[in-house]
Amino acid sequence: MSQTGRVRCLAASVAPVLARIAAAALRPAQVNGHPALVLRRDGEIDTVVAVRVEGGLITGLYAVRTPRSWRTCGTRPA
């Protein structure tokens, strides 16, 4: 496969993912006391990504996509 063909193939596989991300709203928040990003689609929470920071270093990265878990997850705008 040529270089151009590889680029076209990559673009074709990445485009649907980028389109889904572009259709979503990503907002900073605090989740259980940690900085986080909340991804919403169609107004509903789709994914929550929280970061644990200790001593100025990222020591944990947590992503949740289970809707049941969000009921016990305290969120507020950052």
Protein backbone atom coordinates (compact mmCIF):
# COMPACT_ATOMS: atom_id res chain seq x y z
CA MET A 1 0.00 0.00 0.00
CA SER A 2 1.31 3.48 -0.86
CA GLN A 3 1.92 6.22 1.72
CA THR A 4 -1.15 8.09 0.41
CA GLY A 5 -3.23 4.92 0.72
CA ARG A 6 -2.11 4.45 4.32
CA VAL A 7 -3.02 8.03 5.19
CA ARG A 8 -6.45 7.61 3.58
CA CYS A 9 -7.01 4.36 5.46
CA LEU A 10 -6.00 5.97 8.77
CA ALA A 11 -8.22 9.00 8.11
CA ALA A 12 -11.17 6.75 7.28
CA SER A 13 -10.78 4.83 10.54
CA VAL A 14 -10.24 7.91 12.74
CA ALA A 15 -12.96 10.14 11.24
CA PRO A 16 -15.94 8.39 12.90
CA VAL A 17 -14.29 8.61 16.32
CA LEU A 18 -13.54 12.32 15.88
CA ALA A 19 -17.11 12.95 14.73
CA ARG A 20 -18.48 11.33 17.90
CA ILE A 21 -16.13 13.39 20.08
CA ALA A 22 -17.02 16.61 18.25
CA ALA A 23 -20.72 15.95 18.88
CA ALA A 24 -20.09 15.71 22.63
CA ALA A 25 -19.62 18.41 25.26
CA LEU A 26 -16.50 18.12 27.42
CA ARG A 27 -16.48 20.18 30.62
CA PRO A 28 -14.07 20.44 33.57
CA ALA A 29 -15.46 19.45 36.97
CA GLN A 30 -14.55 18.26 40.45
CA VAL A 31 -15.44 14.61 41.08
CA ASN A 32 -15.11 13.23 44.60
CA GLY A 33 -12.59 15.99 45.32
CA HIS A 34 -10.46 15.36 42.23
CA PRO A 35 -10.12 17.41 39.02
CA ALA A 36 -12.08 15.75 36.24
CA LEU A 37 -13.59 16.02 32.78
CA VAL A 38 -17.23 15.14 32.18
CA LEU A 39 -18.20 14.15 28.65
CA ARG A 40 -21.89 14.62 27.80
CA ARG A 41 -23.75 13.43 24.72
CA ASP A 42 -27.27 14.58 24.01
CA GLY A 43 -27.27 16.24 27.45
CA GLU A 44 -26.57 12.96 29.28
CA ILE A 45 -23.30 12.04 30.99
CA ASP A 46 -21.40 9.57 28.81
CA THR A 47 -17.98 9.40 30.48
CA VAL A 48 -16.28 10.83 33.56
CA VAL A 49 -12.48 10.98 33.73
CA ALA A 50 -10.95 11.98 37.09
CA VAL A 51 -7.29 12.61 37.91
CA ARG A 52 -5.67 12.05 41.30
CA VAL A 53 -2.84 14.51 41.93
CA GLU A 54 -0.36 14.10 44.79
CA GLY A 55 2.66 16.35 45.27
CA GLY A 56 2.06 18.02 41.92
CA LEU A 57 2.23 14.68 40.08
CA ILE A 58 -0.60 12.70 38.50
CA THR A 59 -0.80 9.49 40.51
CA GLY A 60 -4.10 8.14 39.23
CA LEU A 61 -6.35 8.40 36.21
CA TYR A 62 -9.89 7.03 36.47
CA ALA A 63 -12.45 6.73 33.68
CA VAL A 64 -16.04 5.64 34.35
CA ARG A 65 -18.69 4.83 31.76
CA THR A 66 -21.10 2.90 33.98
CA PRO A 67 -24.24 5.04 34.49
CA ARG A 68 -25.04 3.26 37.79
CA SER A 69 -21.79 4.62 39.26
CA TRP A 70 -22.69 8.26 38.60
CA ARG A 71 -25.46 8.28 41.18
CA THR A 72 -22.85 7.90 43.94
CA CYS A 73 -20.33 10.21 42.27
CA GLY A 74 -20.51 13.79 43.57
CA THR A 75 -19.83 16.22 40.70
CA ARG A 76 -19.78 19.99 40.57
CA PRO A 77 -18.52 22.45 37.95
CA ALA A 78 -14.82 23.30 38.24
